[in-house]
C-alpha atoms as a PDB file:
ATOM      1  CA  MET A   1     241.611 243.997 138.194  1.00  0.00           C
ATOM      2  CA  LYS A   2     241.375 242.169 140.943  1.00  0.00           C
ATOM      3  CA  SER A   3     242.773 242.467 144.586  1.00  0.00           C
ATOM      4  CA  SER A   4     244.026 240.875 146.875  1.00  0.00           C
ATOM      5  CA  VAL A   5     244.393 240.958 150.380  1.00  0.00           C
ATOM      6  CA  VAL A   6     246.955 239.234 152.042  1.00  0.00           C
ATOM      7  CA  GLU A   7     246.283 239.128 156.116  1.00  0.00           C
ATOM      8  CA  ASN A   8     248.726 238.118 158.329  1.00  0.00           C
ATOM      9  CA  ILE A   9     247.960 235.349 160.486  1.00  0.00           C
ATOM     10  CA  ARG A  10     249.494 234.459 163.605  1.00  0.00           C
ATOM     11  CA  VAL A  11     248.764 231.063 164.718  1.00  0.00           C
ATOM     12  CA  LEU A  12     249.176 231.316 169.207  1.00  0.00           C
ATOM     13  CA  GLU A  13     250.094 228.270 170.718  1.00  0.00           C
ATOM     14  CA  ILE A  14     248.475 227.880 174.026  1.00  0.00           C
ATOM     15  CA  SER A  15     249.855 225.821 176.658  1.00  0.00           C
ATOM     16  CA  ARG A  16     248.360 224.959 180.679  1.00  0.00           C
ATOM     17  CA  GLN A  17     249.793 227.448 183.091  1.00  0.00           C
ATOM     18  CA  ILE A  18     251.555 224.452 185.950  1.00  0.00           C
ATOM     19  CA  GLU A  19     251.972 226.596 189.157  1.00  0.00           C
ATOM     20  CA  GLY A  20     254.472 224.873 191.764  1.00  0.00           C
ATOM     21  CA  VAL A  21     255.950 221.573 191.795  1.00  0.00           C
ATOM     22  CA  ARG A  22     254.226 218.663 190.330  1.00  0.00           C
ATOM     23  CA  VAL A  23     254.994 214.794 190.441  1.00  0.00           C
ATOM     24  CA  GLY A  24     255.910 213.090 187.148  1.00  0.00           C
ATOM     25  CA  LYS A  25     257.178 210.132 185.249  1.00  0.00           C
ATOM     26  CA  ILE A  26     260.266 209.634 182.983  1.00  0.00           C
ATOM     27  CA  ILE A  27     258.796 208.088 179.832  1.00  0.00           C
ATOM     28  CA  ASN A  28     262.468 207.598 177.862  1.00  0.00           C
ATOM     29  CA  VAL A  29     265.249 208.530 178.067  1.00  0.00           C
ATOM     30  CA  ASP A  30     266.911 208.801 174.090  1.00  0.00           C
ATOM     31  CA  GLU A  31     270.117 208.602 173.006  1.00  0.00           C
ATOM     32  CA  SER A  32     271.083 211.898 172.608  1.00  0.00           C
ATOM     33  CA  GLY A  33     270.185 212.492 176.349  1.00  0.00           C
ATOM     34  CA  GLN A  34     266.865 214.034 175.953  1.00  0.00           C
ATOM     35  CA  VAL A  35     264.871 213.158 178.898  1.00  0.00           C
ATOM     36  CA  PHE A  36     260.906 212.859 178.114  1.00  0.00           C
ATOM     37  CA  VAL A  37     258.572 213.017 180.629  1.00  0.00           C
ATOM     38  CA  ASP A  38     255.044 212.524 181.592  1.00  0.00           C
ATOM     39  CA  PHE A  39     252.781 214.190 184.407  1.00  0.00           C
ATOM     40  CA  PRO A  40     248.975 213.724 185.268  1.00  0.00           C
ATOM     41  CA  GLY A  41     246.894 216.540 183.637  1.00  0.00           C
ATOM     42  CA  ASN A  42     249.386 216.501 180.790  1.00  0.00           C
ATOM     43  CA  THR A  43     247.067 215.731 177.472  1.00  0.00           C
ATOM     44  CA  GLU A  44     249.457 216.096 174.961  1.00  0.00           C
ATOM     45  CA  GLY A  45     251.644 213.410 175.617  1.00  0.00           C
ATOM     46  CA  SER A  46     255.412 213.046 176.501  1.00  0.00           C
ATOM     47  CA  VAL A  47     257.124 216.250 176.972  1.00  0.00           C
ATOM     48  CA  VAL A  48     261.084 216.919 176.457  1.00  0.00           C
ATOM     49  CA  ALA A  49     262.324 218.222 180.069  1.00  0.00           C
ATOM     50  CA  ARG A  50     264.975 219.566 180.689  1.00  0.00           C
ATOM     51  CA  VAL A  51     267.152 218.701 183.874  1.00  0.00           C
ATOM     52  CA  THR A  52     269.198 220.371 186.976  1.00  0.00           C
ATOM     53  CA  ASN A  53     273.008 219.760 186.844  1.00  0.00           C
ATOM     54  CA  SER A  54     272.651 218.044 190.652  1.00  0.00           C
ATOM     55  CA  ILE A  55     271.137 214.878 188.878  1.00  0.00           C
ATOM     56  CA  ASN A  56     273.349 213.188 186.440  1.00  0.00           C
ATOM     57  CA  LEU A  57     272.427 210.687 182.937  1.00  0.00           C
ATOM     58  CA  LYS A  58     272.726 207.317 184.644  1.00  0.00           C
ATOM     59  CA  MET A  59     269.875 208.371 187.844  1.00  0.00           C
ATOM     60  CA  LEU A  60     267.997 209.343 184.665  1.00  0.00           C
ATOM     61  CA  ASN A  61     267.970 206.008 183.316  1.00  0.00           C
ATOM     62  CA  GLN A  62     267.781 204.678 186.255  1.00  0.00           C
ATOM     63  CA  ALA A  63     264.618 206.659 187.611  1.00  0.00           C
ATOM     64  CA  ALA A  64     263.058 205.622 183.725  1.00  0.00           C
ATOM     65  CA  SER A  65     263.848 201.932 183.862  1.00  0.00           C
ATOM     66  CA  ALA A  66     262.250 201.362 187.861  1.00  0.00           C
ATOM     67  CA  ASP A  67     259.427 203.763 187.250  1.00  0.00           C
ATOM     68  CA  GLN A  68     260.700 206.147 189.403  1.00  0.00           C
ATOM     69  CA  ASP A  69     258.881 209.781 190.400  1.00  0.00           C
ATOM     70  CA  VAL A  70     260.244 213.084 189.627  1.00  0.00           C
ATOM     71  CA  LEU A  71     259.672 216.200 190.871  1.00  0.00           C
ATOM     72  CA  LEU A  72     259.177 218.653 188.123  1.00  0.00           C
ATOM     73  CA  VAL A  73     258.540 222.595 188.223  1.00  0.00           C
ATOM     74  CA  PHE A  74     257.535 224.959 184.937  1.00  0.00           C
ATOM     75  CA  GLU A  75     259.642 227.823 183.287  1.00  0.00           C
ATOM     76  CA  ASN A  76     257.566 230.624 183.185  1.00  0.00           C
ATOM     77  CA  ASN A  77     254.535 227.769 184.782  1.00  0.00           C
ATOM     78  CA  ASP A  78     254.706 226.262 180.889  1.00  0.00           C
ATOM     79  CA  SER A  79     253.386 222.622 180.548  1.00  0.00           C
ATOM     80  CA  LYS A  80     255.474 222.383 177.287  1.00  0.00           C
ATOM     81  CA  LEU A  81     258.724 223.378 179.401  1.00  0.00           C
ATOM     82  CA  PRO A  82     259.017 220.709 182.402  1.00  0.00           C
ATOM     83  CA  ILE A  83     262.148 220.829 184.555  1.00  0.00           C
ATOM     84  CA  ILE A  84     262.880 217.774 186.157  1.00  0.00           C
ATOM     85  CA  ILE A  85     264.439 218.973 189.633  1.00  0.00           C
ATOM     86  CA  ASP A  86     264.805 215.264 191.162  1.00  0.00           C
ATOM     87  CA  THR A  87     263.853 211.482 191.528  1.00  0.00           C
ATOM     88  CA  LEU A  88     262.019 210.431 194.079  1.00  0.00           C
ATOM     89  CA  HIS A  89     262.115 207.077 196.066  1.00  0.00           C
ATOM     90  CA  SER A  90     260.733 205.539 198.609  1.00  0.00           C
ATOM     91  CA  LEU A  91     262.414 204.365 201.716  1.00  0.00           C
ATOM     92  CA  LEU A  92     260.152 201.910 202.091  1.00  0.00           C
ATOM     93  CA  ASP A  93     261.040 200.142 198.987  1.00  0.00           C
ATOM     94  CA  GLU A  94     264.667 200.440 199.557  1.00  0.00           C
ATOM     95  CA  MET A  95     264.210 198.414 202.857  1.00  0.00           C
ATOM     96  CA  THR A  96     261.846 195.772 201.689  1.00  0.00           C
ATOM     97  CA  ALA A  97     263.865 195.159 198.609  1.00  0.00           C
ATOM     98  CA  SER A  98     267.042 194.968 200.619  1.00  0.00           C
ATOM     99  CA  PRO A  99     268.198 191.546 200.338  1.00  0.00           C
ATOM    100  CA  THR A 100     267.951 189.921 204.403  1.00  0.00           C
ATOM    101  CA  ILE A 101     271.779 189.316 205.671  1.00  0.00           C
ATOM    102  CA  ALA A 102     272.258 185.747 207.314  1.00  0.00           C
ATOM    103  CA  PHE A 103     275.266 184.756 209.202  1.00  0.00           C
ATOM    104  CA  GLU A 104     276.587 181.220 209.316  1.00  0.00           C
ATOM    105  CA  THR A 105     278.204 180.856 212.802  1.00  0.00           C
ATOM    106  CA  GLU A 106     279.885 177.339 213.988  1.00  0.00           C
ATOM    107  CA  LYS A 107     277.448 176.583 217.655  1.00  0.00           C
ATOM    108  CA  PRO A 108     279.543 176.251 220.312  1.00  0.00           C
ATOM    109  CA  ASP A 109     279.422 173.188 222.555  1.00  0.00           C
ATOM    110  CA  ASP A 110     280.189 175.169 225.915  1.00  0.00           C
ATOM    111  CA  VAL A 111     280.867 178.751 226.492  1.00  0.00           C
ATOM    112  CA  MET A 112     281.841 180.256 229.768  1.00  0.00           C
ATOM    113  CA  VAL A 113     278.952 182.509 232.337  1.00  0.00           C
ATOM    114  CA  ASP A 114     280.211 183.683 235.164  1.00  0.00           C
ATOM    115  CA  GLY A 115     283.145 181.629 235.293  1.00  0.00           C
ATOM    116  CA  LYS A 116     281.078 178.711 235.020  1.00  0.00           C
ATOM    117  CA  ARG A 117     280.948 176.852 231.736  1.00  0.00           C
ATOM    118  CA  VAL A 118     277.621 175.739 230.219  1.00  0.00           C
ATOM    119  CA  THR A 119     278.017 172.843 227.992  1.00  0.00           C
ATOM    120  CA  PHE A 120     275.351 172.692 224.728  1.00  0.00           C
ATOM    121  CA  ASP A 121     273.901 169.665 223.715  1.00  0.00           C
END
């Protein structure tokens, strides 16, 4: 009789440890509201991220469409468990993107300065 030995084999998934805060990008927000992010050093492709209560779906979609950076932390320092804690934007970009406001006014024919009338040609 042949005997067979069955061994219990456990597969361990090893993910990279990430400490601290990272800057990443939102890659996609799907129809169900799942948010996929990527970040420097990630070799696994986009990862599903959780978000804090301070961020709503509108902000996430805007960040994704504008290729805006997001701040990420990682649960238990696990690179497969990112959490978006905020979105980032540049005030400089905001200022340069603002439209220039031009006021159209009628030019006066004359004005009073120190009690004297000044006339414009």
